[in-house]
Amino acid sequence: MNQMAPVQVRERNPKPRSPRIAQRRERMRTSVLRTAARIFLERGISGVSVEDILAQADLARSTFYSFFTSKRDLLKHIFEPVFQTGAVHMRGLSGLTPAQQVYGIIDMFPMLWEQFGDALLLRIPNNEFELIEKAHNAYVGALHDRLVEVERAGILRNTSATYTQRLIARSAIDIVRVYRLDPNFKQLYRSTMEGMLLVDSAHRIGAA
């Protein structure tokens, strides 16, 4: 039997030949992610196709598929970095005073808005949750760890890490929606969140 020559498999995302090309591709990829997040927010995730994204981003189909395998893969790359960045940020708060940890959590959301824009405001459909389940659970766990420490200090307005975590989950992003276009966004966001989360005597501690 004749031995067949090995088939050379071409990588879907081969490494660019130069740093300049790599930077240009990364800028293009980031632009696609931001464009897709904006369209998803405006029209709903189920109502947007890959063709819609290609048209809005002025992108060739081959270029899109050099970055993402599918619309679901695109969704994962929109949502997952938000949760990963949030989890890393909260783990970095360990060792600070309880009040500083709360302000660190509060200030995380404006930071995520600046970094990810409309992706922060999106809600992933329940049937696609598995795409980000691992990153989401890591984020929830990191937030829980911080709030348990804060609860022991007795500075949470509702006295409970569990209730505070639920309150953050249900209100933090909606408050971003309210204030995000205001020139004093960060200040308004912080004052609103600290009023909900902290007892009055803890306000402004660690706020600098």
N, C-alpha and C. Protein backbone atom coordinates (compact mmCIF):
# COMPACT_ATOMS: atom_id res chain seq x y z
N MET A 1 0.85 -1.19 0.00
CA MET A 1 0.00 0.00 0.00
C MET A 1 0.88 1.24 0.00
N ASN A 2 0.60 2.20 -0.90
CA ASN A 2 1.37 3.42 -0.96
C ASN A 2 1.08 4.30 0.24
N GLN A 3 2.13 4.84 0.83
CA GLN A 3 1.95 5.72 1.98
C GLN A 3 1.57 7.12 1.49
N MET A 4 0.47 7.63 2.01
CA MET A 4 -0.01 8.94 1.60
C MET A 4 0.82 10.02 2.28
N ALA A 5 1.08 11.11 1.55
CA ALA A 5 1.80 12.25 2.11
C ALA A 5 0.93 12.93 3.15
N PRO A 6 1.51 13.37 4.24
CA PRO A 6 0.71 14.04 5.28
C PRO A 6 0.06 15.30 4.75
N VAL A 7 -1.18 15.50 5.19
CA VAL A 7 -1.94 16.68 4.76
C VAL A 7 -1.54 17.86 5.64
N GLN A 8 -1.21 18.97 5.03
CA GLN A 8 -0.87 20.17 5.79
C GLN A 8 -2.15 20.93 6.12
N VAL A 9 -2.41 21.08 7.40
CA VAL A 9 -3.61 21.77 7.86
C VAL A 9 -3.28 23.24 8.07
N ARG A 10 -4.06 24.09 7.45
CA ARG A 10 -3.85 25.53 7.59
C ARG A 10 -4.60 26.04 8.82
N GLU A 11 -3.90 26.78 9.64
CA GLU A 11 -4.53 27.32 10.84
C GLU A 11 -5.61 28.32 10.46
N ARG A 12 -6.70 28.33 11.27
CA ARG A 12 -7.76 29.30 11.02
C ARG A 12 -7.30 30.70 11.34
N ASN A 13 -6.49 30.84 12.38
CA ASN A 13 -5.96 32.14 12.77
C ASN A 13 -4.44 32.10 12.80
N PRO A 14 -3.79 32.01 11.62
CA PRO A 14 -2.33 31.96 11.61
C PRO A 14 -1.74 33.23 12.21
N LYS A 15 -0.56 33.09 12.81
CA LYS A 15 0.08 34.25 13.40
C LYS A 15 0.51 35.22 12.30
N PRO A 16 0.18 36.50 12.44
CA PRO A 16 0.60 37.48 11.45
C PRO A 16 2.12 37.53 11.34
N ARG A 17 2.60 37.99 10.21
CA ARG A 17 4.03 37.99 9.96
C ARG A 17 4.77 39.12 10.66
N SER A 18 4.09 40.16 11.08
CA SER A 18 4.76 41.29 11.70
C SER A 18 3.90 41.85 12.81
N PRO A 19 4.53 42.53 13.81
CA PRO A 19 3.75 43.17 14.88
C PRO A 19 2.75 44.17 14.34
N ARG A 20 3.09 44.88 13.27
CA ARG A 20 2.18 45.87 12.71
C ARG A 20 0.92 45.21 12.19
N ILE A 21 1.07 44.08 11.52
CA ILE A 21 -0.10 43.36 11.00
C ILE A 21 -0.92 42.81 12.17
N ALA A 22 -0.23 42.31 13.20
CA ALA A 22 -0.92 41.78 14.38
C ALA A 22 -1.75 42.87 15.05
N GLN A 23 -1.18 44.06 15.17
CA GLN A 23 -1.90 45.17 15.79
C GLN A 23 -3.10 45.58 14.94
N ARG A 24 -2.92 45.60 13.64
CA ARG A 24 -4.03 45.97 12.75
C ARG A 24 -5.15 44.95 12.83
N ARG A 25 -4.81 43.67 12.89
CA ARG A 25 -5.84 42.64 13.01
C ARG A 25 -6.57 42.73 14.35
N GLU A 26 -5.82 43.04 15.41
CA GLU A 26 -6.46 43.15 16.72
C GLU A 26 -7.40 44.35 16.76
N ARG A 27 -7.01 45.45 16.14
CA ARG A 27 -7.91 46.61 16.06
C ARG A 27 -9.17 46.26 15.28
N MET A 28 -9.00 45.51 14.20
CA MET A 28 -10.14 45.10 13.39
C MET A 28 -11.06 44.18 14.18
N ARG A 29 -10.46 43.23 14.91
CA ARG A 29 -11.25 42.31 15.72
C ARG A 29 -12.02 43.07 16.80
N THR A 30 -11.37 44.00 17.47
CA THR A 30 -12.03 44.80 18.50
C THR A 30 -13.17 45.61 17.90
N SER A 31 -12.97 46.14 16.71
CA SER A 31 -14.02 46.91 16.04
C SER A 31 -15.24 46.03 15.74
N VAL A 32 -14.99 44.79 15.31
CA VAL A 32 -16.10 43.87 15.04
C VAL A 32 -16.86 43.58 16.32
N LEU A 33 -16.15 43.34 17.42
CA LEU A 33 -16.80 43.05 18.71
C LEU A 33 -17.66 44.22 19.16
N ARG A 34 -17.16 45.43 19.03
CA ARG A 34 -17.91 46.61 19.47
C ARG A 34 -19.11 46.86 18.55
N THR A 35 -18.91 46.68 17.25
CA THR A 35 -20.01 46.87 16.31
C THR A 35 -21.12 45.86 16.56
N ALA A 36 -20.73 44.61 16.76
CA ALA A 36 -21.72 43.55 17.01
C ALA A 36 -22.46 43.82 18.32
N ALA A 37 -21.75 44.22 19.36
CA ALA A 37 -22.40 44.50 20.64
C ALA A 37 -23.42 45.62 20.49
N ARG A 38 -23.07 46.65 19.74
CA ARG A 38 -24.00 47.77 19.52
C ARG A 38 -25.26 47.31 18.79
N ILE A 39 -25.08 46.51 17.74
CA ILE A 39 -26.23 46.03 16.97
C ILE A 39 -27.09 45.10 17.82
N PHE A 40 -26.45 44.20 18.57
CA PHE A 40 -27.20 43.30 19.44
C PHE A 40 -28.03 44.09 20.45
N LEU A 41 -27.45 45.16 20.98
CA LEU A 41 -28.15 45.97 21.97
C LEU A 41 -29.34 46.69 21.33
N GLU A 42 -29.17 47.16 20.11
CA GLU A 42 -30.23 47.90 19.42
C GLU A 42 -31.36 47.00 18.94
N ARG A 43 -31.03 45.81 18.45
CA ARG A 43 -32.01 44.98 17.75
C ARG A 43 -32.30 43.65 18.41
N GLY A 44 -31.55 43.32 19.45
CA GLY A 44 -31.73 42.02 20.09
C GLY A 44 -30.83 40.99 19.44
N ILE A 45 -30.29 40.10 20.24
CA ILE A 45 -29.32 39.13 19.74
C ILE A 45 -29.94 38.21 18.69
N SER A 46 -31.16 37.74 18.95
CA SER A 46 -31.78 36.80 18.01
C SER A 46 -32.14 37.45 16.68
N GLY A 47 -32.27 38.77 16.67
CA GLY A 47 -32.68 39.46 15.45
C GLY A 47 -31.54 39.91 14.57
N VAL A 48 -30.32 39.53 14.91
CA VAL A 48 -29.14 39.97 14.16
C VAL A 48 -28.42 38.76 13.59
N SER A 49 -28.09 38.80 12.32
CA SER A 49 -27.37 37.72 11.66
C SER A 49 -25.92 38.13 11.43
N VAL A 50 -25.10 37.16 11.06
CA VAL A 50 -23.72 37.46 10.71
C VAL A 50 -23.68 38.44 9.54
N GLU A 51 -24.61 38.28 8.58
CA GLU A 51 -24.65 39.18 7.43
C GLU A 51 -24.91 40.62 7.86
N ASP A 52 -25.76 40.81 8.86
CA ASP A 52 -26.02 42.16 9.38
C ASP A 52 -24.74 42.77 9.95
N ILE A 53 -24.00 41.97 10.67
CA ILE A 53 -22.76 42.45 11.27
C ILE A 53 -21.74 42.78 10.19
N LEU A 54 -21.63 41.93 9.18
CA LEU A 54 -20.70 42.19 8.08
C LEU A 54 -21.02 43.51 7.40
N ALA A 55 -22.30 43.76 7.20
CA ALA A 55 -22.71 45.00 6.52
C ALA A 55 -22.38 46.22 7.37
N GLN A 56 -22.67 46.15 8.67
CA GLN A 56 -22.42 47.29 9.55
C GLN A 56 -20.93 47.54 9.76
N ALA A 57 -20.16 46.47 9.81
CA ALA A 57 -18.72 46.59 10.06
C ALA A 57 -17.93 46.78 8.77
N ASP A 58 -18.62 46.69 7.62
CA ASP A 58 -17.95 46.78 6.32
C ASP A 58 -16.80 45.77 6.25
N LEU A 59 -17.17 44.53 6.51
CA LEU A 59 -16.18 43.47 6.68
C LEU A 59 -16.46 42.32 5.73
N ALA A 60 -15.42 41.75 5.20
CA ALA A 60 -15.57 40.59 4.32
C ALA A 60 -15.89 39.35 5.16
N ARG A 61 -16.70 38.46 4.59
CA ARG A 61 -17.06 37.23 5.30
C ARG A 61 -15.82 36.44 5.70
N SER A 62 -14.85 36.35 4.80
CA SER A 62 -13.63 35.58 5.10
C SER A 62 -12.88 36.17 6.28
N THR A 63 -12.89 37.49 6.40
CA THR A 63 -12.21 38.14 7.53
C THR A 63 -12.92 37.83 8.83
N PHE A 64 -14.25 37.91 8.82
CA PHE A 64 -15.02 37.59 10.02
C PHE A 64 -14.70 36.17 10.49
N TYR A 65 -14.69 35.21 9.57
CA TYR A 65 -14.47 33.83 9.97
C TYR A 65 -13.01 33.52 10.26
N SER A 66 -12.12 34.46 9.99
CA SER A 66 -10.75 34.30 10.46
C SER A 66 -10.63 34.65 11.94
N PHE A 67 -11.64 35.37 12.46
CA PHE A 67 -11.67 35.74 13.86
C PHE A 67 -12.58 34.82 14.68
N PHE A 68 -13.74 34.48 14.13
CA PHE A 68 -14.78 33.76 14.87
C PHE A 68 -15.32 32.62 14.02
N THR A 69 -15.65 31.52 14.68
CA THR A 69 -16.15 30.37 13.93
C THR A 69 -17.63 30.50 13.59
N SER A 70 -18.38 31.33 14.35
CA SER A 70 -19.82 31.42 14.19
C SER A 70 -20.34 32.61 14.98
N LYS A 71 -21.63 32.86 14.87
CA LYS A 71 -22.26 33.90 15.68
C LYS A 71 -22.16 33.55 17.16
N ARG A 72 -22.32 32.29 17.51
CA ARG A 72 -22.21 31.87 18.91
C ARG A 72 -20.80 32.11 19.43
N ASP A 73 -19.81 31.85 18.63
CA ASP A 73 -18.43 32.10 19.03
C ASP A 73 -18.20 33.60 19.23
N LEU A 74 -18.79 34.40 18.36
CA LEU A 74 -18.73 35.85 18.52
C LEU A 74 -19.35 36.28 19.85
N LEU A 75 -20.51 35.73 20.17
CA LEU A 75 -21.16 36.05 21.44
C LEU A 75 -20.26 35.73 22.63
N LYS A 76 -19.62 34.58 22.58
CA LYS A 76 -18.73 34.20 23.67
C LYS A 76 -17.61 35.23 23.84
N HIS A 77 -17.06 35.69 22.72
CA HIS A 77 -15.95 36.63 22.80
C HIS A 77 -16.41 38.05 23.15
N ILE A 78 -17.68 38.32 23.05
CA ILE A 78 -18.22 39.60 23.52
C ILE A 78 -18.43 39.56 25.04
N PHE A 79 -19.05 38.50 25.53
CA PHE A 79 -19.44 38.42 26.93
C PHE A 79 -18.31 37.98 27.85
N GLU A 80 -17.55 36.97 27.45
CA GLU A 80 -16.60 36.34 28.35
C GLU A 80 -15.55 37.31 28.92
N PRO A 81 -14.95 38.19 28.12
CA PRO A 81 -13.94 39.10 28.68
C PRO A 81 -14.49 40.03 29.74
N VAL A 82 -15.77 40.38 29.67
CA VAL A 82 -16.37 41.25 30.68
C VAL A 82 -16.33 40.56 32.04
N PHE A 83 -16.78 39.32 32.08
CA PHE A 83 -16.78 38.58 33.34
C PHE A 83 -15.37 38.26 33.81
N GLN A 84 -14.48 37.92 32.88
CA GLN A 84 -13.10 37.61 33.26
C GLN A 84 -12.41 38.84 33.85
N THR A 85 -12.59 39.99 33.23
CA THR A 85 -11.98 41.21 33.72
C THR A 85 -12.55 41.59 35.09
N GLY A 86 -13.87 41.43 35.25
CA GLY A 86 -14.49 41.72 36.53
C GLY A 86 -13.97 40.82 37.64
N ALA A 87 -13.81 39.55 37.35
CA ALA A 87 -13.31 38.61 38.36
C ALA A 87 -11.88 38.94 38.76
N VAL A 88 -11.04 39.25 37.79
CA VAL A 88 -9.65 39.60 38.09
C VAL A 88 -9.60 40.88 38.94
N HIS A 89 -10.43 41.86 38.58
CA HIS A 89 -10.47 43.11 39.33
C HIS A 89 -10.86 42.86 40.79
N MET A 90 -11.87 42.05 41.01
CA MET A 90 -12.34 41.82 42.38
C MET A 90 -11.35 41.00 43.20
N ARG A 91 -10.68 40.06 42.56
CA ARG A 91 -9.65 39.32 43.29
C ARG A 91 -8.52 40.26 43.71
N GLY A 92 -8.28 41.30 42.92
CA GLY A 92 -7.25 42.26 43.24
C GLY A 92 -7.59 43.16 44.42
N LEU A 93 -8.85 43.14 44.85
CA LEU A 93 -9.27 43.96 45.99
C LEU A 93 -8.98 43.28 47.32
N SER A 94 -8.62 42.02 47.29
CA SER A 94 -8.35 41.28 48.52
C SER A 94 -7.22 41.96 49.29
N GLY A 95 -7.42 42.10 50.59
CA GLY A 95 -6.41 42.73 51.43
C GLY A 95 -6.67 44.19 51.72
N LEU A 96 -7.59 44.81 50.96
CA LEU A 96 -7.96 46.19 51.24
C LEU A 96 -8.94 46.24 52.41
N THR A 97 -9.19 47.43 52.94
CA THR A 97 -10.18 47.56 54.00
C THR A 97 -11.56 47.22 53.44
N PRO A 98 -12.51 46.85 54.29
CA PRO A 98 -13.85 46.53 53.80
C PRO A 98 -14.47 47.65 52.96
N ALA A 99 -14.35 48.90 53.44
CA ALA A 99 -14.93 50.01 52.68
C ALA A 99 -14.25 50.18 51.34
N GLN A 100 -12.93 50.03 51.30
CA GLN A 100 -12.21 50.13 50.04
C GLN A 100 -12.63 49.03 49.07
N GLN A 101 -12.94 47.86 49.60
CA GLN A 101 -13.39 46.77 48.73
C GLN A 101 -14.75 47.10 48.11
N VAL A 102 -15.65 47.69 48.89
CA VAL A 102 -16.95 48.07 48.34
C VAL A 102 -16.78 49.13 47.25
N TYR A 103 -15.96 50.15 47.53
CA TYR A 103 -15.74 51.17 46.51
C TYR A 103 -15.04 50.58 45.28
N GLY A 104 -14.20 49.58 45.49
CA GLY A 104 -13.58 48.90 44.36
C GLY A 104 -14.60 48.18 43.50
N ILE A 105 -15.58 47.55 44.16
CA ILE A 105 -16.67 46.90 43.42
C ILE A 105 -17.49 47.93 42.67
N ILE A 106 -17.84 49.03 43.35
CA ILE A 106 -18.64 50.08 42.72
C ILE A 106 -17.91 50.64 41.50
N ASP A 107 -16.64 50.97 41.66
CA ASP A 107 -15.88 51.60 40.57
C ASP A 107 -15.57 50.64 39.43
N MET A 108 -15.73 49.34 39.69
CA MET A 108 -15.49 48.36 38.64
C MET A 108 -16.44 48.56 37.46
N PHE A 109 -17.70 48.91 37.71
CA PHE A 109 -18.67 48.97 36.64
C PHE A 109 -18.41 50.12 35.67
N PRO A 110 -18.09 51.34 36.13
CA PRO A 110 -17.66 52.36 35.17
C PRO A 110 -16.41 51.96 34.39
N MET A 111 -15.48 51.25 35.07
CA MET A 111 -14.29 50.77 34.38
C MET A 111 -14.65 49.80 33.26
N LEU A 112 -15.56 48.88 33.55
CA LEU A 112 -15.99 47.91 32.53
C LEU A 112 -16.71 48.61 31.38
N TRP A 113 -17.49 49.65 31.71
CA TRP A 113 -18.18 50.41 30.66
C TRP A 113 -17.17 51.07 29.74
N GLU A 114 -16.14 51.68 30.31
CA GLU A 114 -15.12 52.34 29.49
C GLU A 114 -14.38 51.34 28.63
N GLN A 115 -14.16 50.15 29.14
CA GLN A 115 -13.37 49.16 28.42
C GLN A 115 -14.17 48.39 27.38
N PHE A 116 -15.43 48.06 27.70
CA PHE A 116 -16.20 47.16 26.84
C PHE A 116 -17.44 47.81 26.23
N GLY A 117 -17.84 48.99 26.68
CA GLY A 117 -18.97 49.68 26.09
C GLY A 117 -20.26 48.88 26.15
N ASP A 118 -20.96 48.81 25.00
CA ASP A 118 -22.28 48.20 24.95
C ASP A 118 -22.30 46.74 25.40
N ALA A 119 -21.18 46.05 25.33
CA ALA A 119 -21.14 44.65 25.76
C ALA A 119 -21.56 44.52 27.22
N LEU A 120 -21.26 45.54 28.03
CA LEU A 120 -21.63 45.50 29.45
C LEU A 120 -23.14 45.52 29.64
N LEU A 121 -23.86 46.12 28.70
CA LEU A 121 -25.31 46.30 28.85
C LEU A 121 -26.12 45.14 28.29
N LEU A 122 -25.46 44.24 27.59
CA LEU A 122 -26.16 43.12 26.98
C LEU A 122 -26.50 42.04 28.00
N ARG A 123 -27.59 41.34 27.76
CA ARG A 123 -27.95 40.17 28.55
C ARG A 123 -27.95 38.96 27.63
N ILE A 124 -27.19 37.95 28.00
CA ILE A 124 -27.08 36.78 27.15
C ILE A 124 -28.35 35.94 27.28
N PRO A 125 -28.89 35.43 26.18
CA PRO A 125 -30.09 34.58 26.25
C PRO A 125 -29.84 33.35 27.12
N ASN A 126 -30.89 32.90 27.79
CA ASN A 126 -30.75 31.74 28.68
C ASN A 126 -30.23 30.51 27.94
N ASN A 127 -30.65 30.35 26.68
CA ASN A 127 -30.23 29.16 25.95
C ASN A 127 -28.77 29.23 25.48
N GLU A 128 -28.11 30.37 25.69
CA GLU A 128 -26.71 30.51 25.33
C GLU A 128 -25.82 30.67 26.56
N PHE A 129 -26.39 30.51 27.74
CA PHE A 129 -25.64 30.77 28.97
C PHE A 129 -24.41 29.88 29.11
N GLU A 130 -24.48 28.68 28.57
CA GLU A 130 -23.36 27.76 28.69
C GLU A 130 -22.09 28.33 28.07
N LEU A 131 -22.24 29.27 27.15
CA LEU A 131 -21.07 29.87 26.50
C LEU A 131 -20.19 30.61 27.50
N ILE A 132 -20.81 31.18 28.52
CA ILE A 132 -20.06 32.01 29.46
C ILE A 132 -20.18 31.51 30.90
N GLU A 133 -20.69 30.31 31.07
CA GLU A 133 -20.98 29.81 32.43
C GLU A 133 -19.74 29.79 33.30
N LYS A 134 -18.62 29.32 32.80
CA LYS A 134 -17.40 29.22 33.61
C LYS A 134 -16.93 30.61 34.04
N ALA A 135 -16.87 31.55 33.08
CA ALA A 135 -16.41 32.90 33.40
C ALA A 135 -17.40 33.60 34.33
N HIS A 136 -18.68 33.38 34.10
CA HIS A 136 -19.71 33.98 34.95
C HIS A 136 -19.60 33.47 36.38
N ASN A 137 -19.43 32.18 36.55
CA ASN A 137 -19.34 31.61 37.90
C ASN A 137 -18.09 32.09 38.64
N ALA A 138 -16.99 32.27 37.91
CA ALA A 138 -15.78 32.80 38.53
C ALA A 138 -16.00 34.23 39.01
N TYR A 139 -16.71 35.01 38.20
CA TYR A 139 -17.05 36.39 38.57
C TYR A 139 -17.94 36.42 39.82
N VAL A 140 -18.99 35.61 39.82
CA VAL A 140 -19.91 35.56 40.95
C VAL A 140 -19.19 35.12 42.22
N GLY A 141 -18.30 34.15 42.09
CA GLY A 141 -17.54 33.68 43.24
C GLY A 141 -16.62 34.75 43.81
N ALA A 142 -15.96 35.50 42.92
CA ALA A 142 -15.05 36.56 43.37
C ALA A 142 -15.82 37.67 44.06
N LEU A 143 -16.99 38.02 43.53
CA LEU A 143 -17.83 39.04 44.16
C LEU A 143 -18.31 38.57 45.53
N HIS A 144 -18.71 37.33 45.61
CA HIS A 144 -19.17 36.77 46.89
C HIS A 144 -18.07 36.82 47.95
N ASP A 145 -16.85 36.45 47.57
CA ASP A 145 -15.74 36.47 48.51
C ASP A 145 -15.52 37.86 49.09
N ARG A 146 -15.59 38.87 48.23
CA ARG A 146 -15.38 40.24 48.71
C ARG A 146 -16.49 40.65 49.67
N LEU A 147 -17.72 40.36 49.32
CA LEU A 147 -18.85 40.81 50.12
C LEU A 147 -18.94 40.09 51.46
N VAL A 148 -18.51 38.85 51.51
CA VAL A 148 -18.48 38.13 52.79
C VAL A 148 -17.52 38.82 53.75
N GLU A 149 -16.37 39.27 53.24
CA GLU A 149 -15.43 40.01 54.09
C GLU A 149 -16.05 41.31 54.57
N VAL A 150 -16.76 42.00 53.67
CA VAL A 150 -17.35 43.28 54.02
C VAL A 150 -18.46 43.10 55.05
N GLU A 151 -19.24 42.03 54.90
CA GLU A 151 -20.34 41.78 55.83
C GLU A 151 -19.84 41.71 57.27
N ARG A 152 -18.70 41.10 57.48
CA ARG A 152 -18.15 40.96 58.82
C ARG A 152 -17.84 42.31 59.46
N ALA A 153 -17.59 43.32 58.60
CA ALA A 153 -17.25 44.65 59.12
C ALA A 153 -18.48 45.44 59.54
N GLY A 154 -19.67 44.95 59.18
CA GLY A 154 -20.90 45.61 59.59
C GLY A 154 -21.19 46.93 58.90
N ILE A 155 -20.71 47.12 57.67
CA ILE A 155 -20.92 48.40 56.98
C ILE A 155 -21.90 48.29 55.81
N LEU A 156 -22.44 47.09 55.56
CA LEU A 156 -23.43 46.95 54.50
C LEU A 156 -24.79 47.48 54.98
N ARG A 157 -25.45 48.25 54.16
CA ARG A 157 -26.71 48.88 54.58
C ARG A 157 -27.76 47.82 54.93
N ASN A 158 -27.79 46.72 54.17
CA ASN A 158 -28.79 45.69 54.46
C ASN A 158 -28.22 44.57 55.35
N THR A 159 -26.98 44.72 55.79
CA THR A 159 -26.27 43.83 56.72
C THR A 159 -25.94 42.45 56.14
N SER A 160 -26.29 42.21 54.87
CA SER A 160 -26.17 40.85 54.31
C SER A 160 -25.36 40.85 53.02
N ALA A 161 -24.35 39.97 52.96
CA ALA A 161 -23.59 39.80 51.73
C ALA A 161 -24.47 39.23 50.62
N THR A 162 -25.36 38.31 50.97
CA THR A 162 -26.23 37.69 49.98
C THR A 162 -27.19 38.71 49.36
N TYR A 163 -27.84 39.50 50.20
CA TYR A 163 -28.76 40.51 49.69
C TYR A 163 -28.02 41.57 48.87
N THR A 164 -26.84 41.95 49.33
CA THR A 164 -26.08 42.97 48.61
C THR A 164 -25.66 42.45 47.24
N GLN A 165 -25.28 41.18 47.17
CA GLN A 165 -24.89 40.60 45.89
C GLN A 165 -26.08 40.57 44.93
N ARG A 166 -27.25 40.24 45.45
CA ARG A 166 -28.46 40.24 44.61
C ARG A 166 -28.80 41.65 44.15
N LEU A 167 -28.62 42.62 45.05
CA LEU A 167 -28.90 44.00 44.70
C LEU A 167 -27.97 44.49 43.59
N ILE A 168 -26.70 44.15 43.69
CA ILE A 168 -25.74 44.52 42.66
C ILE A 168 -26.11 43.87 41.33
N ALA A 169 -26.47 42.59 41.38
CA ALA A 169 -26.81 41.87 40.16
C ALA A 169 -28.01 42.46 39.45
N ARG A 170 -28.95 43.01 40.22
CA ARG A 170 -30.19 43.50 39.63
C ARG A 170 -30.18 44.99 39.32
N SER A 171 -29.20 45.73 39.84
CA SER A 171 -29.26 47.18 39.67
C SER A 171 -28.02 47.83 39.09
N ALA A 172 -26.85 47.23 39.26
CA ALA A 172 -25.60 47.91 38.89
C ALA A 172 -25.57 48.30 37.41
N ILE A 173 -25.94 47.38 36.53
CA ILE A 173 -25.88 47.67 35.09
C ILE A 173 -26.98 48.65 34.70
N ASP A 174 -28.15 48.55 35.31
CA ASP A 174 -29.22 49.50 35.00
C ASP A 174 -28.84 50.92 35.40
N ILE A 175 -28.08 51.07 36.47
CA ILE A 175 -27.63 52.40 36.87
C ILE A 175 -26.59 52.92 35.88
N VAL A 176 -25.76 52.03 35.35
CA VAL A 176 -24.86 52.44 34.26
C VAL A 176 -25.66 53.00 33.10
N ARG A 177 -26.75 52.33 32.74
CA ARG A 177 -27.60 52.80 31.64
C ARG A 177 -28.11 54.22 31.89
N VAL A 178 -28.49 54.50 33.11
CA VAL A 178 -29.06 55.80 33.45
C VAL A 178 -28.03 56.91 33.29
N TYR A 179 -26.81 56.69 33.78
CA TYR A 179 -25.84 57.77 33.91
C TYR A 179 -24.74 57.78 32.84
N ARG A 180 -24.64 56.75 31.99
CA ARG A 180 -23.44 56.54 31.19
C ARG A 180 -23.09 57.71 30.26
N LEU A 181 -24.06 58.49 29.84
CA LEU A 181 -23.80 59.59 28.91
C LEU A 181 -23.60 60.93 29.61
N ASP A 182 -23.72 60.94 30.93
CA ASP A 182 -23.57 62.18 31.68
C ASP A 182 -22.08 62.49 31.88
N PRO A 183 -21.69 63.78 31.77
CA PRO A 183 -20.27 64.13 31.99
C PRO A 183 -19.77 63.74 33.38
N ASN A 184 -20.66 63.69 34.36
CA ASN A 184 -20.29 63.32 35.72
C ASN A 184 -20.66 61.87 36.03
N PHE A 185 -20.60 61.03 35.01
CA PHE A 185 -21.03 59.64 35.12
C PHE A 185 -20.44 58.93 36.34
N LYS A 186 -19.13 58.97 36.49
CA LYS A 186 -18.49 58.22 37.57
C LYS A 186 -18.94 58.70 38.94
N GLN A 187 -19.02 60.00 39.11
CA GLN A 187 -19.43 60.56 40.41
C GLN A 187 -20.88 60.21 40.72
N LEU A 188 -21.76 60.35 39.73
CA LEU A 188 -23.17 60.03 39.94
C LEU A 188 -23.35 58.55 40.23
N TYR A 189 -22.62 57.73 39.50
CA TYR A 189 -22.73 56.29 39.69
C TYR A 189 -22.28 55.91 41.10
N ARG A 190 -21.12 56.45 41.50
CA ARG A 190 -20.59 56.11 42.82
C ARG A 190 -21.55 56.54 43.93
N SER A 191 -22.05 57.78 43.87
CA SER A 191 -22.91 58.27 44.95
C SER A 191 -24.21 57.48 45.03
N THR A 192 -24.75 57.05 43.88
CA THR A 192 -25.97 56.24 43.89
C THR A 192 -25.72 54.87 44.49
N MET A 193 -24.65 54.23 44.07
CA MET A 193 -24.35 52.89 44.55
C MET A 193 -23.97 52.89 46.02
N GLU A 194 -23.18 53.86 46.47
CA GLU A 194 -22.80 53.86 47.88
C GLU A 194 -24.01 54.10 48.77
N GLY A 195 -24.99 54.87 48.27
CA GLY A 195 -26.20 55.10 49.03
C GLY A 195 -27.01 53.82 49.21
N MET A 196 -26.96 52.94 48.21
CA MET A 196 -27.69 51.68 48.30
C MET A 196 -26.94 50.64 49.13
N LEU A 197 -25.61 50.63 49.02
CA LEU A 197 -24.85 49.51 49.57
C LEU A 197 -24.27 49.74 50.95
N LEU A 198 -23.91 50.97 51.27
CA LEU A 198 -23.16 51.22 52.50
C LEU A 198 -23.96 52.03 53.52
N VAL A 199 -23.72 51.76 54.80
CA VAL A 199 -24.28 52.61 55.85
C VAL A 199 -23.64 53.98 55.73
N ASP A 200 -24.34 55.00 56.18
CA ASP A 200 -23.88 56.38 55.99
C ASP A 200 -22.49 56.60 56.57
N SER A 201 -22.21 56.00 57.71
CA SER A 201 -20.92 56.23 58.36
C SER A 201 -19.74 55.70 57.56
N ALA A 202 -20.00 54.83 56.59
CA ALA A 202 -18.92 54.24 55.78
C ALA A 202 -18.69 55.02 54.50
N HIS A 203 -19.55 55.98 54.17
CA HIS A 203 -19.38 56.75 52.94
C HIS A 203 -18.07 57.53 52.97
N ARG A 204 -17.43 57.56 51.81
CA ARG A 204 -16.20 58.32 51.57
C ARG A 204 -14.97 57.70 52.19
N ILE A 205 -15.13 56.64 52.98
CA ILE A 205 -13.94 55.94 53.49
C ILE A 205 -13.34 55.14 52.32
N GLY A 206 -12.11 55.41 52.00
CA GLY A 206 -11.48 54.72 50.88
C GLY A 206 -11.97 55.22 49.55
N ALA A 207 -12.66 56.35 49.52
CA ALA A 207 -13.23 56.83 48.26
C ALA A 207 -12.21 57.54 47.39
N ALA A 208 -11.10 57.95 47.96
CA ALA A 208 -10.10 58.69 47.18
C ALA A 208 -9.43 57.77 46.18
